[in-house]
């Protein structure tokens, strides 16, 4: 079966992502959970850098994510090709979010580099803000290159009609935390959660969870996809909050495809 292909334009910040954070092969940059961290309280974002030496970038880093996107620089960016295949559903509640681990073989290509899709997961509310606006949710598609660096595609999710792809995922939510649930008779394709218009914002940043490694080439698609209020509520009934606060740009430039 031939993969779906989309063409987008993107920049070559090939200094990216992960080695990482939770189940990289499974996570958003969220890595094993042997060290407890959370989104609130004494182990919340403002304290991540104090939990463990390996998390020092969460406090001392100067290229952290997420960021607020308002002032941008329009630029000709490299094409990005989405080459996603269908794969059996592998879904897990990792304690911080719902994550879908993807089968091998799907990837994106940017310039002369290829990044394999490892997993995608969700945040509530959206971690990135556009012109001060926050969205109900945001999906992160985590890709890794042969050099271990990451490219993460962010898809904003706004309230609207019910999303068939999300319905499939939510209908198969695992009943227990920490264990991957493999649904062999259900196949998914990540293209189903991509907007038709794939113009985007691009900047160099970090994982948005510990260890906050500054190795991510962020690709935030400008056009949101719709998800119903009931679907948002289903997610928030499990995870009340799963978003890191906005981080300072510290002189970084956010590029925008023309």
C-alpha atoms as a PDB file:
ATOM      1  CA  UNK A   1       0.000   0.000   0.000  1.00  0.00           C
ATOM      2  CA  UNK A   2       1.454   3.361  -0.949  1.00  0.00           C
ATOM      3  CA  UNK A   3       1.751   6.001   1.794  1.00  0.00           C
ATOM      4  CA  UNK A   4      -0.284   9.191   1.785  1.00  0.00           C
ATOM      5  CA  UNK A   5       1.774  12.234   0.905  1.00  0.00           C
ATOM      6  CA  UNK A   6       1.306  15.868   1.753  1.00  0.00           C
ATOM      7  CA  UNK A   7       3.595  18.684   0.858  1.00  0.00           C
ATOM      8  CA  UNK A   8       4.303  21.429   3.324  1.00  0.00           C
ATOM      9  CA  UNK A   9       6.968  23.972   3.613  1.00  0.00           C
ATOM     10  CA  UNK A  10       9.285  23.945   6.494  1.00  0.00           C
ATOM     11  CA  UNK A  11      12.567  25.152   7.760  1.00  0.00           C
ATOM     12  CA  UNK A  12      15.752  23.282   8.222  1.00  0.00           C
ATOM     13  CA  UNK A  13      16.461  23.499  11.898  1.00  0.00           C
ATOM     14  CA  UNK A  14      18.172  20.203  11.915  1.00  0.00           C
ATOM     15  CA  UNK A  15      19.497  20.465  15.385  1.00  0.00           C
ATOM     16  CA  UNK A  16      16.656  18.816  17.078  1.00  0.00           C
ATOM     17  CA  UNK A  17      14.917  16.504  19.345  1.00  0.00           C
ATOM     18  CA  UNK A  18      15.164  13.748  21.761  1.00  0.00           C
ATOM     19  CA  UNK A  19      16.826  11.264  23.307  1.00  0.00           C
ATOM     20  CA  UNK A  20      14.267  11.140  25.457  1.00  0.00           C
ATOM     21  CA  UNK A  21      11.640  11.922  27.775  1.00  0.00           C
ATOM     22  CA  UNK A  22       9.019   9.511  28.402  1.00  0.00           C
ATOM     23  CA  UNK A  23       8.990   6.586  26.174  1.00  0.00           C
ATOM     24  CA  UNK A  24      10.311   8.421  23.326  1.00  0.00           C
ATOM     25  CA  UNK A  25       9.587   5.603  21.218  1.00  0.00           C
ATOM     26  CA  UNK A  26       6.379   6.078  22.790  1.00  0.00           C
ATOM     27  CA  UNK A  27       6.403   9.525  24.099  1.00  0.00           C
ATOM     28  CA  UNK A  28       6.337  13.200  23.550  1.00  0.00           C
ATOM     29  CA  UNK A  29       9.367  13.800  24.980  1.00  0.00           C
ATOM     30  CA  UNK A  30       8.006  12.374  27.983  1.00  0.00           C
ATOM     31  CA  UNK A  31      10.367   9.848  29.235  1.00  0.00           C
ATOM     32  CA  UNK A  32      10.206   7.085  31.755  1.00  0.00           C
ATOM     33  CA  UNK A  33       8.274   7.971  34.852  1.00  0.00           C
ATOM     34  CA  UNK A  34      10.670   6.689  37.488  1.00  0.00           C
ATOM     35  CA  UNK A  35      10.992  10.258  38.740  1.00  0.00           C
ATOM     36  CA  UNK A  36       7.641  11.759  39.648  1.00  0.00           C
ATOM     37  CA  UNK A  37       6.599  15.024  38.043  1.00  0.00           C
ATOM     38  CA  UNK A  38       3.212  16.581  37.441  1.00  0.00           C
ATOM     39  CA  UNK A  39       1.483  19.621  36.004  1.00  0.00           C
ATOM     40  CA  UNK A  40       0.470  21.066  39.378  1.00  0.00           C
ATOM     41  CA  UNK A  41       1.651  21.347  42.958  1.00  0.00           C
ATOM     42  CA  UNK A  42       5.090  20.711  44.444  1.00  0.00           C
ATOM     43  CA  UNK A  43       6.185  18.662  41.415  1.00  0.00           C
ATOM     44  CA  UNK A  44       4.632  21.033  38.867  1.00  0.00           C
ATOM     45  CA  UNK A  45       6.379  22.876  35.982  1.00  0.00           C
ATOM     46  CA  UNK A  46       7.933  25.577  38.155  1.00  0.00           C
ATOM     47  CA  UNK A  47       9.740  22.840  40.124  1.00  0.00           C
ATOM     48  CA  UNK A  48      10.732  20.417  37.337  1.00  0.00           C
ATOM     49  CA  UNK A  49      14.283  21.724  37.229  1.00  0.00           C
ATOM     50  CA  UNK A  50      14.733  20.939  40.932  1.00  0.00           C
ATOM     51  CA  UNK A  51      13.464  17.341  40.878  1.00  0.00           C
ATOM     52  CA  UNK A  52      16.566  15.829  39.320  1.00  0.00           C
ATOM     53  CA  UNK A  53      19.872  17.027  37.839  1.00  0.00           C
ATOM     54  CA  UNK A  54      18.905  15.619  34.446  1.00  0.00           C
ATOM     55  CA  UNK A  55      15.958  18.029  34.444  1.00  0.00           C
ATOM     56  CA  UNK A  56      18.111  21.139  34.870  1.00  0.00           C
ATOM     57  CA  UNK A  57      17.194  22.491  31.410  1.00  0.00           C
ATOM     58  CA  UNK A  58      13.607  22.879  32.609  1.00  0.00           C
ATOM     59  CA  UNK A  59      14.893  25.705  34.817  1.00  0.00           C
ATOM     60  CA  UNK A  60      18.125  26.907  33.207  1.00  0.00           C
ATOM     61  CA  UNK A  61      17.469  26.389  29.498  1.00  0.00           C
ATOM     62  CA  UNK A  62      17.142  29.405  27.213  1.00  0.00           C
ATOM     63  CA  UNK A  63      15.367  27.708  24.262  1.00  0.00           C
ATOM     64  CA  UNK A  64      12.396  26.170  26.021  1.00  0.00           C
ATOM     65  CA  UNK A  65       8.938  25.225  24.726  1.00  0.00           C
ATOM     66  CA  UNK A  66       6.066  25.878  24.348  1.00  0.00           C
ATOM     67  CA  UNK A  67       6.022  29.525  23.263  1.00  0.00           C
ATOM     68  CA  UNK A  68       3.475  32.164  22.402  1.00  0.00           C
ATOM     69  CA  UNK A  69       3.465  32.829  18.662  1.00  0.00           C
ATOM     70  CA  UNK A  70       2.578  36.330  17.540  1.00  0.00           C
ATOM     71  CA  UNK A  71       5.489  38.104  15.848  1.00  0.00           C
ATOM     72  CA  UNK A  72       6.837  35.941  13.034  1.00  0.00           C
ATOM     73  CA  UNK A  73       9.188  36.177  10.078  1.00  0.00           C
ATOM     74  CA  UNK A  74       7.809  34.921   6.773  1.00  0.00           C
ATOM     75  CA  UNK A  75      10.396  32.871   4.921  1.00  0.00           C
ATOM     76  CA  UNK A  76      10.822  30.331   2.132  1.00  0.00           C
ATOM     77  CA  UNK A  77      11.086  27.051   3.969  1.00  0.00           C
ATOM     78  CA  UNK A  78      12.043  23.552   2.860  1.00  0.00           C
ATOM     79  CA  UNK A  79       9.258  21.252   1.743  1.00  0.00           C
ATOM     80  CA  UNK A  80       8.068  18.684   4.223  1.00  0.00           C
ATOM     81  CA  UNK A  81       6.600  15.404   3.023  1.00  0.00           C
ATOM     82  CA  UNK A  82       4.286  13.334   5.217  1.00  0.00           C
ATOM     83  CA  UNK A  83       4.685   9.623   4.488  1.00  0.00           C
ATOM     84  CA  UNK A  84       2.317   7.920   6.917  1.00  0.00           C
ATOM     85  CA  UNK A  85       1.122   4.317   6.653  1.00  0.00           C
ATOM     86  CA  UNK A  86      -1.789   2.682   8.472  1.00  0.00           C
ATOM     87  CA  UNK A  87      -0.810   0.789  11.626  1.00  0.00           C
ATOM     88  CA  UNK A  88      -2.568  -1.276  14.338  1.00  0.00           C
ATOM     89  CA  UNK A  89      -3.719   0.895  17.241  1.00  0.00           C
ATOM     90  CA  UNK A  90      -1.316   0.852  20.198  1.00  0.00           C
ATOM     91  CA  UNK A  91      -2.626   3.181  22.892  1.00  0.00           C
ATOM     92  CA  UNK A  92      -1.434   3.912  26.419  1.00  0.00           C
ATOM     93  CA  UNK A  93      -2.341   6.120  29.376  1.00  0.00           C
ATOM     94  CA  UNK A  94       1.189   6.967  30.506  1.00  0.00           C
ATOM     95  CA  UNK A  95       0.048   8.886  33.563  1.00  0.00           C
ATOM     96  CA  UNK A  96       0.363  12.302  31.927  1.00  0.00           C
ATOM     97  CA  UNK A  97      -1.550  11.938  28.661  1.00  0.00           C
ATOM     98  CA  UNK A  98      -3.001   9.509  26.139  1.00  0.00           C
ATOM     99  CA  UNK A  99      -0.240   8.398  23.792  1.00  0.00           C
ATOM    100  CA  UNK A 100      -0.425   6.341  20.608  1.00  0.00           C
ATOM    101  CA  UNK A 101       2.741   4.422  19.751  1.00  0.00           C
ATOM    102  CA  UNK A 102       3.186   4.135  16.004  1.00  0.00           C
ATOM    103  CA  UNK A 103       4.413   1.165  13.990  1.00  0.00           C
ATOM    104  CA  UNK A 104       7.697   1.413  12.099  1.00  0.00           C
ATOM    105  CA  UNK A 105       7.882   2.724   8.552  1.00  0.00           C
ATOM    106  CA  UNK A 106       5.999   6.038   8.706  1.00  0.00           C
ATOM    107  CA  UNK A 107       7.964   9.264   8.478  1.00  0.00           C
ATOM    108  CA  UNK A 108       8.297  12.855   7.361  1.00  0.00           C
ATOM    109  CA  UNK A 109      11.048  14.193   5.109  1.00  0.00           C
ATOM    110  CA  UNK A 110      12.479  17.700   5.429  1.00  0.00           C
ATOM    111  CA  UNK A 111      15.044  18.680   2.859  1.00  0.00           C
ATOM    112  CA  UNK A 112      17.436  15.741   2.708  1.00  0.00           C
ATOM    113  CA  UNK A 113      16.566  14.420   6.185  1.00  0.00           C
ATOM    114  CA  UNK A 114      14.026  11.804   7.168  1.00  0.00           C
ATOM    115  CA  UNK A 115      12.391  11.474  10.573  1.00  0.00           C
ATOM    116  CA  UNK A 116      10.482   8.360  11.663  1.00  0.00           C
ATOM    117  CA  UNK A 117       7.118   8.829  13.390  1.00  0.00           C
ATOM    118  CA  UNK A 118       7.421   7.315  16.863  1.00  0.00           C
ATOM    119  CA  UNK A 119       4.231   8.355  18.580  1.00  0.00           C
ATOM    120  CA  UNK A 120       1.684  11.080  19.058  1.00  0.00           C
ATOM    121  CA  UNK A 121      -0.068  12.321  22.173  1.00  0.00           C
ATOM    122  CA  UNK A 122      -2.300  15.119  23.456  1.00  0.00           C
ATOM    123  CA  UNK A 123      -2.219  18.172  25.708  1.00  0.00           C
ATOM    124  CA  UNK A 124      -5.020  20.161  27.308  1.00  0.00           C
ATOM    125  CA  UNK A 125      -5.229  23.074  26.824  1.00  0.00           C
ATOM    126  CA  UNK A 126      -3.002  23.677  23.786  1.00  0.00           C
ATOM    127  CA  UNK A 127       0.601  24.278  24.795  1.00  0.00           C
ATOM    128  CA  UNK A 128       1.281  26.799  22.031  1.00  0.00           C
ATOM    129  CA  UNK A 129      -0.739  30.010  21.866  1.00  0.00           C
ATOM    130  CA  UNK A 130      -1.330  31.871  18.607  1.00  0.00           C
ATOM    131  CA  UNK A 131      -1.690  35.640  18.946  1.00  0.00           C
ATOM    132  CA  UNK A 132      -2.609  35.111  22.581  1.00  0.00           C
ATOM    133  CA  UNK A 133      -5.229  32.468  21.795  1.00  0.00           C
ATOM    134  CA  UNK A 134      -5.200  29.089  23.476  1.00  0.00           C
ATOM    135  CA  UNK A 135      -7.039  26.100  21.976  1.00  0.00           C
ATOM    136  CA  UNK A 136      -8.880  23.341  23.894  1.00  0.00           C
ATOM    137  CA  UNK A 137      -6.283  20.719  22.921  1.00  0.00           C
ATOM    138  CA  UNK A 138      -3.104  20.154  20.923  1.00  0.00           C
ATOM    139  CA  UNK A 139      -1.720  16.943  19.421  1.00  0.00           C
ATOM    140  CA  UNK A 140       2.044  16.384  19.124  1.00  0.00           C
ATOM    141  CA  UNK A 141       3.453  14.018  16.492  1.00  0.00           C
ATOM    142  CA  UNK A 142       6.971  13.042  17.554  1.00  0.00           C
ATOM    143  CA  UNK A 143       9.515  12.068  14.876  1.00  0.00           C
ATOM    144  CA  UNK A 144      13.167  11.081  15.282  1.00  0.00           C
ATOM    145  CA  UNK A 145      16.004  11.180  12.754  1.00  0.00           C
ATOM    146  CA  UNK A 146      18.851   8.680  12.464  1.00  0.00           C
ATOM    147  CA  UNK A 147      21.026  11.101  14.445  1.00  0.00           C
ATOM    148  CA  UNK A 148      18.595  11.001  17.372  1.00  0.00           C
ATOM    149  CA  UNK A 149      17.305  14.511  16.815  1.00  0.00           C
ATOM    150  CA  UNK A 150      13.571  15.227  16.781  1.00  0.00           C
ATOM    151  CA  UNK A 151      11.009  16.997  14.659  1.00  0.00           C
ATOM    152  CA  UNK A 152       7.650  17.480  16.383  1.00  0.00           C
ATOM    153  CA  UNK A 153       4.527  18.486  14.480  1.00  0.00           C
ATOM    154  CA  UNK A 154       1.924  20.298  16.582  1.00  0.00           C
ATOM    155  CA  UNK A 155      -1.728  20.166  15.511  1.00  0.00           C
ATOM    156  CA  UNK A 156      -4.057  22.629  17.243  1.00  0.00           C
ATOM    157  CA  UNK A 157      -7.561  21.393  18.046  1.00  0.00           C
ATOM    158  CA  UNK A 158     -10.576  23.709  18.259  1.00  0.00           C
ATOM    159  CA  UNK A 159     -14.084  22.999  19.504  1.00  0.00           C
ATOM    160  CA  UNK A 160     -16.529  22.104  16.733  1.00  0.00           C
ATOM    161  CA  UNK A 161     -17.934  18.973  15.187  1.00  0.00           C
ATOM    162  CA  UNK A 162     -17.122  15.480  16.423  1.00  0.00           C
ATOM    163  CA  UNK A 163     -13.840  14.093  15.089  1.00  0.00           C
ATOM    164  CA  UNK A 164     -14.106  10.534  13.722  1.00  0.00           C
ATOM    165  CA  UNK A 165     -10.422   9.787  14.284  1.00  0.00           C
ATOM    166  CA  UNK A 166     -10.579  10.925  17.919  1.00  0.00           C
ATOM    167  CA  UNK A 167     -13.741   8.874  18.393  1.00  0.00           C
ATOM    168  CA  UNK A 168     -11.829   5.755  17.348  1.00  0.00           C
ATOM    169  CA  UNK A 169      -9.068   6.510  19.857  1.00  0.00           C
ATOM    170  CA  UNK A 170     -11.394   7.393  22.739  1.00  0.00           C
ATOM    171  CA  UNK A 171     -13.475   4.242  22.113  1.00  0.00           C
ATOM    172  CA  UNK A 172     -10.342   2.242  22.860  1.00  0.00           C
ATOM    173  CA  UNK A 173      -8.955   4.085  25.878  1.00  0.00           C
ATOM    174  CA  UNK A 174      -7.033   1.701  28.160  1.00  0.00           C
ATOM    175  CA  UNK A 175      -8.659   0.908  31.479  1.00  0.00           C
ATOM    176  CA  UNK A 176      -5.386   0.877  33.374  1.00  0.00           C
ATOM    177  CA  UNK A 177      -2.490   3.303  33.551  1.00  0.00           C
ATOM    178  CA  UNK A 178       0.990   2.472  32.287  1.00  0.00           C
ATOM    179  CA  UNK A 179       0.164  -0.492  30.082  1.00  0.00           C
ATOM    180  CA  UNK A 180       0.047  -0.328  26.297  1.00  0.00           C
ATOM    181  CA  UNK A 181      -3.257  -1.566  24.890  1.00  0.00           C
ATOM    182  CA  UNK A 182      -2.856  -3.166  21.445  1.00  0.00           C
ATOM    183  CA  UNK A 183      -6.041  -3.268  19.377  1.00  0.00           C
ATOM    184  CA  UNK A 184      -5.064  -5.526  16.487  1.00  0.00           C
ATOM    185  CA  UNK A 185      -8.409  -5.292  14.694  1.00  0.00           C
ATOM    186  CA  UNK A 186      -8.325  -1.468  14.586  1.00  0.00           C
ATOM    187  CA  UNK A 187      -5.952   0.314  12.210  1.00  0.00           C
ATOM    188  CA  UNK A 188      -5.276   4.038  12.195  1.00  0.00           C
ATOM    189  CA  UNK A 189      -3.465   6.464   9.911  1.00  0.00           C
ATOM    190  CA  UNK A 190      -1.997   9.665  11.371  1.00  0.00           C
ATOM    191  CA  UNK A 191      -2.965  11.554   8.222  1.00  0.00           C
ATOM    192  CA  UNK A 192      -6.527  11.471   9.535  1.00  0.00           C
ATOM    193  CA  UNK A 193      -5.702  14.068  12.178  1.00  0.00           C
ATOM    194  CA  UNK A 194      -3.898  16.460   9.820  1.00  0.00           C
ATOM    195  CA  UNK A 195      -5.661  19.585   8.478  1.00  0.00           C
ATOM    196  CA  UNK A 196      -5.927  19.982   4.707  1.00  0.00           C
ATOM    197  CA  UNK A 197      -4.018  23.259   4.869  1.00  0.00           C
ATOM    198  CA  UNK A 198      -0.550  22.493   6.191  1.00  0.00           C
ATOM    199  CA  UNK A 199       0.984  25.980   6.386  1.00  0.00           C
ATOM    200  CA  UNK A 200       2.939  26.243   9.615  1.00  0.00           C
ATOM    201  CA  UNK A 201       5.085  28.071  12.140  1.00  0.00           C
ATOM    202  CA  UNK A 202       8.627  26.856  12.753  1.00  0.00           C
ATOM    203  CA  UNK A 203      11.097  27.441  15.576  1.00  0.00           C
ATOM    204  CA  UNK A 204      13.847  25.672  17.501  1.00  0.00           C
ATOM    205  CA  UNK A 205      12.915  24.620  21.020  1.00  0.00           C
ATOM    206  CA  UNK A 206      12.667  21.859  23.594  1.00  0.00           C
ATOM    207  CA  UNK A 207      10.613  18.994  24.897  1.00  0.00           C
ATOM    208  CA  UNK A 208       7.658  20.345  26.849  1.00  0.00           C
ATOM    209  CA  UNK A 209       8.065  17.716  29.578  1.00  0.00           C
ATOM    210  CA  UNK A 210      11.089  16.698  31.668  1.00  0.00           C
ATOM    211  CA  UNK A 211      13.960  16.566  30.890  1.00  0.00           C
ATOM    212  CA  UNK A 212      13.093  19.598  28.686  1.00  0.00           C
ATOM    213  CA  UNK A 213      15.986  18.809  26.321  1.00  0.00           C
ATOM    214  CA  UNK A 214      16.563  21.574  23.779  1.00  0.00           C
ATOM    215  CA  UNK A 215      16.633  19.284  20.760  1.00  0.00           C
ATOM    216  CA  UNK A 216      13.310  19.891  19.029  1.00  0.00           C
ATOM    217  CA  UNK A 217      12.518  21.378  15.646  1.00  0.00           C
ATOM    218  CA  UNK A 218       8.965  22.586  16.215  1.00  0.00           C
ATOM    219  CA  UNK A 219       6.493  22.598  13.332  1.00  0.00           C
ATOM    220  CA  UNK A 220       3.166  24.061  14.487  1.00  0.00           C
ATOM    221  CA  UNK A 221       0.480  23.818  11.812  1.00  0.00           C
ATOM    222  CA  UNK A 222      -1.499  27.043  11.454  1.00  0.00           C
ATOM    223  CA  UNK A 223      -4.893  25.501  10.671  1.00  0.00           C
ATOM    224  CA  UNK A 224      -6.628  23.746  13.587  1.00  0.00           C
ATOM    225  CA  UNK A 225      -8.725  20.596  13.309  1.00  0.00           C
ATOM    226  CA  UNK A 226     -12.141  20.266  14.931  1.00  0.00           C
ATOM    227  CA  UNK A 227     -13.023  18.168  17.957  1.00  0.00           C
ATOM    228  CA  UNK A 228     -16.325  18.164  19.837  1.00  0.00           C
ATOM    229  CA  UNK A 229     -16.779  19.513  23.356  1.00  0.00           C
ATOM    230  CA  UNK A 230     -17.789  16.020  24.484  1.00  0.00           C
ATOM    231  CA  UNK A 231     -14.504  14.635  23.134  1.00  0.00           C
ATOM    232  CA  UNK A 232     -12.511  17.336  24.919  1.00  0.00           C
ATOM    233  CA  UNK A 233     -14.446  16.623  28.115  1.00  0.00           C
ATOM    234  CA  UNK A 234     -13.680  12.910  27.815  1.00  0.00           C
ATOM    235  CA  UNK A 235      -9.956  13.671  27.796  1.00  0.00           C
ATOM    236  CA  UNK A 236     -10.118  16.220  30.620  1.00  0.00           C
ATOM    237  CA  UNK A 237     -12.096  13.785  32.767  1.00  0.00           C
ATOM    238  CA  UNK A 238      -8.871  11.756  32.875  1.00  0.00           C
ATOM    239  CA  UNK A 239      -6.282  14.560  32.700  1.00  0.00           C
ATOM    240  CA  UNK A 240      -7.447  17.798  34.292  1.00  0.00           C
ATOM    241  CA  UNK A 241      -4.454  19.680  32.956  1.00  0.00           C
ATOM    242  CA  UNK A 242      -1.595  18.513  30.758  1.00  0.00           C
ATOM    243  CA  UNK A 243       0.104  21.629  29.425  1.00  0.00           C
ATOM    244  CA  UNK A 244       3.327  23.383  30.386  1.00  0.00           C
ATOM    245  CA  UNK A 245       3.119  27.201  30.737  1.00  0.00           C
ATOM    246  CA  UNK A 246       4.415  29.437  27.935  1.00  0.00           C
ATOM    247  CA  UNK A 247       8.203  29.902  27.952  1.00  0.00           C
ATOM    248  CA  UNK A 248      10.168  33.038  26.917  1.00  0.00           C
ATOM    249  CA  UNK A 249      11.498  33.224  23.371  1.00  0.00           C
ATOM    250  CA  UNK A 250      14.806  34.753  24.494  1.00  0.00           C
ATOM    251  CA  UNK A 251      15.503  36.227  21.091  1.00  0.00           C
ATOM    252  CA  UNK A 252      14.451  33.231  19.032  1.00  0.00           C
ATOM    253  CA  UNK A 253      12.700  33.927  15.738  1.00  0.00           C
ATOM    254  CA  UNK A 254       9.543  32.048  14.811  1.00  0.00           C
ATOM    255  CA  UNK A 255       9.404  31.525  11.054  1.00  0.00           C
ATOM    256  CA  UNK A 256       6.141  31.317   9.149  1.00  0.00           C
ATOM    257  CA  UNK A 257       5.634  29.658   5.773  1.00  0.00           C
ATOM    258  CA  UNK A 258       4.599  32.102   3.061  1.00  0.00           C
END
